[in-house]
Amino acid sequence: YFRNSSRFNYFWAMHHLALVFYVILLLHGRVFWKWFLPVVLTYGFDRWLRRRTASFPSTVLLTKAKGDKVMQIQFSKPASLNYVPGQYVFLKSGAITKYEWHPFTLTSS
């Protein structure tokens, strides 16, 4: 519903405002930190691991529309990237937006 509409930025902002809610709970709840800490540490570790191992800068070599809902994107691949056709990647264009990532299926020819 939100991903395919102009309301995505509203959706994104509301979910990140949850951080304010958690800060208020930490300030006012006496035992909330006991429940909050394991979740935050697990989430933080996951985000750190993703950023460390799954992101790489790349150069787009070719973009081509292949029909109504199919797009071909060729990009430079670092030697350390190993993939199997059928897997997917999330791509983000900094020139278009800072926050939206879009899934693309990988193929090889």
Protein backbone atom coordinates (compact mmCIF):
# COMPACT_ATOMS: atom_id res chain seq x y z
CA TYR A 1 0.00 0.00 0.00
CA PHE A 2 2.65 2.52 1.01
CA ARG A 3 5.53 1.33 -1.19
CA ASN A 4 3.61 1.99 -4.41
CA SER A 5 2.35 5.42 -3.52
CA SER A 6 3.63 8.87 -2.76
CA ARG A 7 3.03 8.18 0.94
CA PHE A 8 6.24 6.20 1.37
CA ASN A 9 8.10 9.16 2.89
CA TYR A 10 5.28 9.58 5.42
CA PHE A 11 5.44 5.84 6.22
CA TRP A 12 9.23 6.02 6.62
CA ALA A 13 9.08 9.08 8.89
CA MET A 14 6.40 7.57 11.15
CA HIS A 15 8.40 4.38 11.63
CA HIS A 16 11.49 6.33 12.55
CA LEU A 17 9.53 8.46 15.01
CA ALA A 18 9.18 5.25 16.99
CA LEU A 19 12.67 6.05 18.26
CA VAL A 20 11.21 9.04 20.12
CA PHE A 21 8.64 6.71 21.69
CA TYR A 22 11.36 4.34 22.88
CA VAL A 23 13.40 7.18 24.37
CA ILE A 24 10.34 8.33 26.33
CA LEU A 25 9.74 4.77 27.55
CA LEU A 26 13.37 4.49 28.65
CA LEU A 27 13.09 7.73 30.59
CA HIS A 28 9.81 6.86 32.30
CA GLY A 29 9.76 3.09 32.62
CA ARG A 30 11.76 1.61 35.49
CA VAL A 31 12.26 -1.87 34.04
CA PHE A 32 11.68 -1.20 30.35
CA TRP A 33 15.41 -1.16 29.65
CA LYS A 34 15.62 -4.88 30.56
CA TRP A 35 13.29 -5.70 27.67
CA PHE A 36 14.61 -3.03 25.36
CA LEU A 37 18.35 -3.68 25.58
CA PRO A 38 18.45 -7.21 24.05
CA VAL A 39 16.24 -6.12 21.15
CA VAL A 40 18.28 -3.00 20.43
CA LEU A 41 21.58 -4.86 20.63
CA THR A 42 20.34 -7.58 18.27
CA TYR A 43 18.93 -5.03 15.81
CA GLY A 44 22.08 -2.90 16.00
CA PHE A 45 24.32 -5.92 15.36
CA ASP A 46 22.19 -6.93 12.37
CA ARG A 47 22.33 -3.43 10.87
CA TRP A 48 26.10 -3.21 11.45
CA LEU A 49 26.66 -6.61 9.84
CA ARG A 50 24.53 -5.70 6.83
CA ARG A 51 26.33 -2.41 6.31
CA ARG A 52 29.72 -4.04 6.70
CA THR A 53 29.20 -7.02 4.40
CA ALA A 54 26.36 -6.30 2.03
CA SER A 55 26.94 -2.84 0.62
CA PHE A 56 29.27 -1.82 -2.14
CA PRO A 57 29.46 1.16 -4.48
CA SER A 58 28.94 0.38 -8.13
CA THR A 59 28.75 2.13 -11.48
CA VAL A 60 25.68 1.70 -13.67
CA LEU A 61 26.79 0.70 -17.16
CA LEU A 62 23.41 0.36 -18.90
CA THR A 63 19.72 0.86 -18.16
CA LYS A 64 17.05 -0.27 -20.58
CA ALA A 65 13.28 -0.68 -20.40
CA LYS A 66 12.26 -4.20 -21.45
CA GLY A 67 8.51 -3.81 -21.48
CA ASP A 68 5.95 -2.45 -19.07
CA LYS A 69 7.30 -3.80 -15.78
CA VAL A 70 10.80 -5.06 -16.63
CA MET A 71 14.00 -3.06 -16.50
CA GLN A 72 17.50 -4.16 -17.39
CA ILE A 73 20.29 -2.65 -15.33
CA GLN A 74 23.91 -3.59 -15.92
CA PHE A 75 26.40 -2.47 -13.31
CA SER A 76 30.01 -3.09 -12.47
CA LYS A 77 30.49 -5.99 -10.09
CA PRO A 78 33.29 -6.17 -7.55
CA ALA A 79 35.30 -9.39 -7.58
CA SER A 80 34.13 -10.20 -4.05
CA LEU A 81 30.45 -10.34 -5.07
CA ASN A 82 29.31 -13.92 -5.56
CA TYR A 83 25.73 -14.58 -6.59
CA VAL A 84 23.45 -17.15 -8.15
CA PRO A 85 20.88 -16.13 -10.79
CA GLY A 86 17.50 -15.76 -9.09
CA GLN A 87 18.85 -14.03 -6.00
CA TYR A 88 17.91 -10.40 -5.52
CA VAL A 89 19.60 -7.20 -4.49
CA PHE A 90 18.26 -3.93 -3.16
CA LEU A 91 19.41 -0.95 -5.19
CA LYS A 92 19.31 2.71 -4.24
CA SER A 93 20.10 5.70 -6.40
CA GLY A 94 21.45 8.59 -4.37
CA ALA A 95 20.55 10.98 -7.18
CA ILE A 96 16.87 10.06 -6.82
CA THR A 97 16.35 9.48 -3.09
CA LYS A 98 18.32 8.88 0.09
CA TYR A 99 16.01 6.32 1.70
CA GLU A 100 14.20 4.16 -0.86
CA TRP A 101 15.70 0.81 -1.82
CA HIS A 102 14.17 -1.26 -4.61
CA PRO A 103 14.51 -5.05 -5.09
CA PHE A 104 15.88 -6.38 -8.37
CA THR A 105 16.29 -10.01 -9.36
CA LEU A 106 19.78 -11.00 -10.52
CA THR A 107 20.28 -12.82 -13.79
CA SER A 108 23.33 -13.63 -15.82
CA SER A 109 23.85 -14.05 -19.52
